[in-house]
C-alpha cells in the first residue's frame, strides 16, 4: 500500500471554455506550487486540450487527460477522436467507461475493452471507471456488478498492462448528487476491486494498481476517503471546476 502514489484527477465533463481553462490553471498552480507526492491530472473538454497542454508546457507535476476517445486509429467516424490525435497534444491519460458514457451513450464493457486495448497500444494510460447504480446496490448486487464490469472491460489485459491502468470506482448513485459513499462503503468496494484484479492477474500485481474513488468528492471529505488503505486517489467532478476547491483535494492526497 505504501508504494502506491496518490492520483487526483479533475473531470470537467462538458464545462470550461478555453478562456476559463487558462484562468483556472493560473489560480490552481499558485495553490499547489508547494504540494508534492501526488499525481495531478486534468481532463478538460476536447476543445481545451490543446490550450491546456500548451499552458502546461510539458509539466511533470500536472498532466492532461482526455475524457474519452475512439479505438480506431483513423477513418470515417464522424465526431470521434483517436489516440494518435490525443498523443499529438501530449495527452497522458484517458478516462474510459465513465458512468455517463455507459448510461447516456450506451457504452458496453465490450466497447470499453476495445478502448482500453487501443489506449495501451498507443501508450495512453486508461482511467477505467466502474460502479453500480442505486438500484443495484439496494439489491445487494454491487460486488457482482463491479466484478462483471472489471472482467469485461479488462478482458485480454495482461498483468504487465494492468500496471498502466488506473481504476476509478464511482458509485453511480453518488455522482453529482451530493451523496458520498461512507468511508466504510468506499473502502469495502475498493478492497473488492483489488480482490477481483488479483483474480484476473495475481495478488502482487493487484497490490500495485491504483484505485480512485469518484462520487461527490469534496474538500471536506477527501482526507478521510484518501486515508483508507485501498483508496489511492480521487476522480473529481463538480468540485474540480473551482481551482481552490480542487487544490484542497489535491493537498489531501499529497504533501506540502
Protein backbone atom coordinates (compact mmCIF):
# COMPACT_ATOMS: atom_id res chain seq x y z
CA UNK A 1 0.00 0.00 0.00
CA UNK A 2 2.77 2.42 0.90
CA UNK A 3 4.26 2.32 -2.59
CA UNK A 4 1.12 3.48 -4.38
CA UNK A 5 1.37 7.17 -5.18
CA UNK A 6 -1.90 9.08 -4.87
CA UNK A 7 -3.51 10.25 -8.11
CA UNK A 8 -6.08 13.06 -8.12
CA UNK A 9 -7.90 13.73 -11.41
CA UNK A 10 -10.27 16.52 -12.42
CA UNK A 11 -13.03 15.53 -14.81
CA UNK A 12 -14.51 18.78 -16.09
CA UNK A 13 -17.08 16.99 -18.25
CA UNK A 14 -18.81 19.44 -20.66
CA UNK A 15 -17.62 22.52 -18.78
CA UNK A 16 -14.89 25.18 -19.11
CA UNK A 17 -14.10 27.19 -22.23
CA UNK A 18 -10.52 27.83 -23.37
CA UNK A 19 -10.52 31.19 -21.56
CA UNK A 20 -11.88 29.58 -18.40
CA UNK A 21 -9.24 26.85 -18.63
CA UNK A 22 -6.46 29.43 -18.71
CA UNK A 23 -7.95 31.33 -15.77
CA UNK A 24 -8.37 28.10 -13.78
CA UNK A 25 -4.79 26.99 -14.37
CA UNK A 26 -3.34 30.35 -13.36
CA UNK A 27 -5.12 30.20 -10.00
CA UNK A 28 -4.68 26.47 -9.44
CA UNK A 29 -0.93 26.46 -9.99
CA UNK A 30 -0.47 29.05 -7.25
CA UNK A 31 -2.47 26.90 -4.86
CA UNK A 32 -0.46 23.71 -5.40
CA UNK A 33 3.05 25.03 -6.06
CA UNK A 34 4.33 23.59 -2.77
CA UNK A 35 2.48 20.26 -2.98
CA UNK A 36 4.43 17.12 -3.82
CA UNK A 37 3.99 13.35 -3.70
CA UNK A 38 0.79 13.26 -5.74
CA UNK A 39 -0.04 12.90 -9.45
CA UNK A 40 -2.37 15.69 -10.63
CA UNK A 41 -4.48 15.08 -13.73
CA UNK A 42 -6.85 17.48 -15.51
CA UNK A 43 -9.36 16.23 -18.10
CA UNK A 44 -10.85 19.25 -19.89
CA UNK A 45 -13.29 19.10 -22.81
CA UNK A 46 -11.65 18.30 -26.16
CA UNK A 47 -11.75 21.96 -27.24
CA UNK A 48 -9.48 23.00 -24.36
CA UNK A 49 -6.96 20.14 -24.55
CA UNK A 50 -4.55 21.88 -26.90
CA UNK A 51 -4.57 25.09 -24.86
CA UNK A 52 -4.12 23.23 -21.59
CA UNK A 53 -1.18 21.26 -22.98
CA UNK A 54 0.38 24.48 -24.28
CA UNK A 55 -0.03 26.21 -20.91
CA UNK A 56 1.43 23.26 -19.02
CA UNK A 57 4.45 23.23 -21.32
CA UNK A 58 5.49 19.66 -20.60
CA UNK A 59 4.90 19.91 -16.85
CA UNK A 60 5.57 16.68 -14.97
CA UNK A 61 3.50 17.89 -12.00
CA UNK A 62 0.19 18.34 -13.81
CA UNK A 63 -0.71 16.04 -16.70
CA UNK A 64 -3.58 16.15 -19.16
CA UNK A 65 -6.25 13.54 -19.74
CA UNK A 66 -8.94 13.16 -22.37
CA UNK A 67 -12.48 12.35 -21.29
CA UNK A 68 -12.95 9.73 -23.99
CA UNK A 69 -11.68 8.60 -27.40
CA UNK A 70 -12.45 6.04 -30.13
CA UNK A 71 -10.49 2.82 -30.51
CA UNK A 72 -9.76 3.10 -34.25
CA UNK A 73 -6.63 4.98 -35.35
CA UNK A 74 -8.41 6.94 -38.11
CA UNK A 75 -11.28 6.68 -40.56
CA UNK A 76 -14.89 7.61 -41.24
CA UNK A 77 -16.00 8.08 -37.62
CA UNK A 78 -17.66 11.47 -37.58
CA UNK A 79 -17.36 13.28 -34.27
CA UNK A 80 -14.73 10.94 -32.81
CA UNK A 81 -11.14 11.48 -31.65
CA UNK A 82 -8.29 8.98 -31.99
CA UNK A 83 -5.42 8.12 -29.66
CA UNK A 84 -2.99 9.45 -32.26
CA UNK A 85 -4.69 12.85 -32.14
CA UNK A 86 -4.51 12.86 -28.34
CA UNK A 87 -0.84 11.88 -28.27
CA UNK A 88 -0.09 14.81 -30.59
CA UNK A 89 -1.44 17.07 -27.82
CA UNK A 90 0.80 15.38 -25.20
CA UNK A 91 -2.18 13.77 -23.50
CA UNK A 92 -1.04 11.13 -21.00
CA UNK A 93 -4.30 9.67 -19.63
CA UNK A 94 -7.78 8.94 -20.96
CA UNK A 95 -10.96 8.39 -18.95
CA UNK A 96 -12.83 5.32 -20.20
CA UNK A 97 -16.15 3.80 -19.23
CA UNK A 98 -17.41 6.73 -17.18
CA UNK A 99 -20.93 6.08 -15.91
CA UNK A 100 -22.25 8.89 -18.11
CA UNK A 101 -20.72 7.23 -21.18
CA UNK A 102 -22.30 3.94 -20.12
CA UNK A 103 -25.76 5.28 -19.26
CA UNK A 104 -26.22 8.20 -21.67
CA UNK A 105 -24.29 6.89 -24.67
CA UNK A 106 -24.82 3.16 -24.33
CA UNK A 107 -21.18 2.13 -23.97
CA UNK A 108 -20.80 -1.55 -23.11
CA UNK A 109 -18.00 -3.43 -21.38
CA UNK A 110 -17.05 -4.89 -24.77
CA UNK A 111 -16.68 -1.44 -26.36
CA UNK A 112 -14.77 -0.12 -23.34
CA UNK A 113 -12.49 -3.16 -23.54
CA UNK A 114 -11.59 -2.24 -27.14
CA UNK A 115 -10.79 1.28 -25.98
CA UNK A 116 -8.61 0.03 -23.10
CA UNK A 117 -6.58 -2.12 -25.52
CA UNK A 118 -6.28 0.73 -28.04
CA UNK A 119 -5.19 3.18 -25.33
CA UNK A 120 -2.46 0.88 -24.07
CA UNK A 121 -1.24 0.18 -27.60
CA UNK A 122 -0.87 3.94 -28.08
CA UNK A 123 0.84 4.42 -24.70
CA UNK A 124 -2.12 6.25 -23.16
CA UNK A 125 -2.92 5.35 -19.56
CA UNK A 126 -6.60 4.44 -19.12
CA UNK A 127 -8.55 5.65 -16.11
CA UNK A 128 -11.15 2.89 -16.20
CA UNK A 129 -14.42 3.75 -14.45
CA UNK A 130 -16.67 1.14 -12.88
CA UNK A 131 -19.53 1.30 -10.39
CA UNK A 132 -23.06 0.29 -9.54
CA UNK A 133 -26.38 2.15 -9.66
CA UNK A 134 -28.51 2.78 -6.58
CA UNK A 135 -30.95 0.03 -7.60
CA UNK A 136 -28.07 -2.44 -7.95
CA UNK A 137 -26.68 -1.53 -4.53
CA UNK A 138 -30.10 -1.73 -2.88
CA UNK A 139 -30.48 -5.20 -4.41
CA UNK A 140 -27.14 -6.22 -2.88
CA UNK A 141 -25.55 -6.68 -6.31
CA UNK A 142 -22.79 -4.05 -6.11
CA UNK A 143 -19.93 -6.57 -5.87
CA UNK A 144 -21.35 -8.64 -8.71
CA UNK A 145 -21.66 -5.52 -10.92
CA UNK A 146 -18.13 -4.36 -10.09
CA UNK A 147 -16.69 -7.79 -10.91
CA UNK A 148 -18.64 -8.05 -14.18
CA UNK A 149 -17.53 -4.60 -15.35
CA UNK A 150 -13.89 -5.27 -14.46
CA UNK A 151 -13.79 -8.66 -16.15
CA UNK A 152 -15.47 -7.34 -19.30
CA UNK A 153 -13.55 -4.10 -19.55
CA UNK A 154 -10.17 -5.73 -18.83
CA UNK A 155 -10.60 -8.88 -20.92
CA UNK A 156 -7.30 -9.86 -22.52
CA UNK A 157 -5.26 -7.38 -20.49
CA UNK A 158 -2.02 -8.85 -19.12
CA UNK A 159 -0.60 -8.27 -15.65
CA UNK A 160 2.06 -6.04 -17.14
CA UNK A 161 -0.54 -3.97 -18.99
CA UNK A 162 -2.74 -3.70 -15.90
CA UNK A 163 0.03 -1.80 -14.14
CA UNK A 164 -0.54 1.01 -16.67
CA UNK A 165 -4.26 1.21 -15.83
CA UNK A 166 -5.88 3.32 -13.11
CA UNK A 167 -9.24 2.06 -11.84
CA UNK A 168 -11.86 4.59 -10.74
CA UNK A 169 -14.64 3.18 -8.58
CA UNK A 170 -17.58 5.56 -8.85
CA UNK A 171 -20.90 4.52 -7.34
CA UNK A 172 -23.36 5.97 -9.83
CA UNK A 173 -25.75 6.97 -7.03
CA UNK A 174 -23.08 9.31 -5.62
CA UNK A 175 -22.11 11.15 -8.81
CA UNK A 176 -23.28 14.74 -8.90
CA UNK A 177 -25.86 14.03 -6.20
CA UNK A 178 -24.01 15.43 -3.21
CA UNK A 179 -24.29 11.98 -1.65
CA UNK A 180 -20.95 10.34 -0.92
CA UNK A 181 -20.38 6.70 -0.09
CA UNK A 182 -19.36 6.34 3.54
CA UNK A 183 -15.67 5.69 4.07
CA UNK A 184 -16.56 2.14 5.07
CA UNK A 185 -18.63 1.61 1.90
CA UNK A 186 -15.90 3.11 -0.29
CA UNK A 187 -13.11 1.09 1.31
CA UNK A 188 -15.14 -2.13 1.08
CA UNK A 189 -15.76 -1.55 -2.64
CA UNK A 190 -12.11 -0.69 -3.29
CA UNK A 191 -10.94 -3.82 -1.46
CA UNK A 192 -13.33 -5.84 -3.62
CA UNK A 193 -11.95 -4.20 -6.79
CA UNK A 194 -8.44 -5.18 -5.72
CA UNK A 195 -9.56 -8.74 -4.99
CA UNK A 196 -11.09 -9.05 -8.48
CA UNK A 197 -7.90 -7.63 -10.04
CA UNK A 198 -5.94 -10.29 -8.14
CA UNK A 199 -8.20 -12.96 -9.64
CA UNK A 200 -7.62 -11.54 -13.12
CA UNK A 201 -3.84 -11.38 -12.67
CA UNK A 202 -2.17 -12.03 -9.31
CA UNK A 203 -2.08 -10.50 -5.84
CA UNK A 204 1.28 -8.77 -6.34
CA UNK A 205 0.05 -7.01 -9.48
CA UNK A 206 -3.28 -6.06 -7.92
CA UNK A 207 -1.48 -4.55 -4.95
CA UNK A 208 0.33 -2.13 -7.28
CA UNK A 209 -2.74 -0.90 -9.20
CA UNK A 210 -4.05 2.49 -8.17
CA UNK A 211 -7.78 2.70 -7.45
CA UNK A 212 -9.50 6.08 -7.27
CA UNK A 213 -12.81 6.92 -5.64
CA UNK A 214 -15.24 9.08 -7.61
CA UNK A 215 -18.57 10.37 -6.41
CA UNK A 216 -19.14 13.80 -4.82
CA UNK A 217 -15.57 14.11 -3.57
CA UNK A 218 -15.14 17.49 -1.87
CA UNK A 219 -12.51 19.23 0.26
CA UNK A 220 -14.40 18.30 3.43
CA UNK A 221 -14.43 14.54 2.78
CA UNK A 222 -11.30 14.00 0.68
CA UNK A 223 -8.81 13.44 3.52
CA UNK A 224 -10.95 10.78 5.20
CA UNK A 225 -11.55 8.94 1.95
CA UNK A 226 -7.90 9.09 0.90
CA UNK A 227 -6.80 7.74 4.28
CA UNK A 228 -8.46 4.38 3.55
CA UNK A 229 -5.98 1.58 2.80
CA UNK A 230 -7.27 0.73 -0.69
CA UNK A 231 -8.21 4.24 -1.88
CA UNK A 232 -5.32 5.67 -3.89
CA UNK A 233 -6.84 8.85 -5.23
CA UNK A 234 -9.95 10.61 -6.44
CA UNK A 235 -11.73 11.27 -9.72
CA UNK A 236 -13.33 14.64 -9.03
CA UNK A 237 -16.26 16.12 -10.93
CA UNK A 238 -18.07 19.25 -9.74
CA UNK A 239 -15.53 20.20 -7.08
CA UNK A 240 -12.76 20.22 -9.71
CA UNK A 241 -14.27 23.19 -11.54
CA UNK A 242 -13.13 25.56 -8.79
CA UNK A 243 -9.32 25.90 -8.58
CA UNK A 244 -9.20 26.34 -4.82
CA UNK A 245 -11.63 23.53 -4.14
CA UNK A 246 -9.70 21.14 -6.38
CA UNK A 247 -6.42 22.28 -4.84
CA UNK A 248 -7.68 21.38 -1.35
CA UNK A 249 -8.49 17.87 -2.56
CA UNK A 250 -5.04 17.58 -4.15
CA UNK A 251 -3.44 18.71 -0.90
CA UNK A 252 -5.33 15.98 0.94
CA UNK A 253 -3.56 13.42 -1.26
CA UNK A 254 -0.12 14.98 -1.34
CA UNK A 255 2.45 16.68 0.84
CA UNK A 256 3.02 20.40 1.25
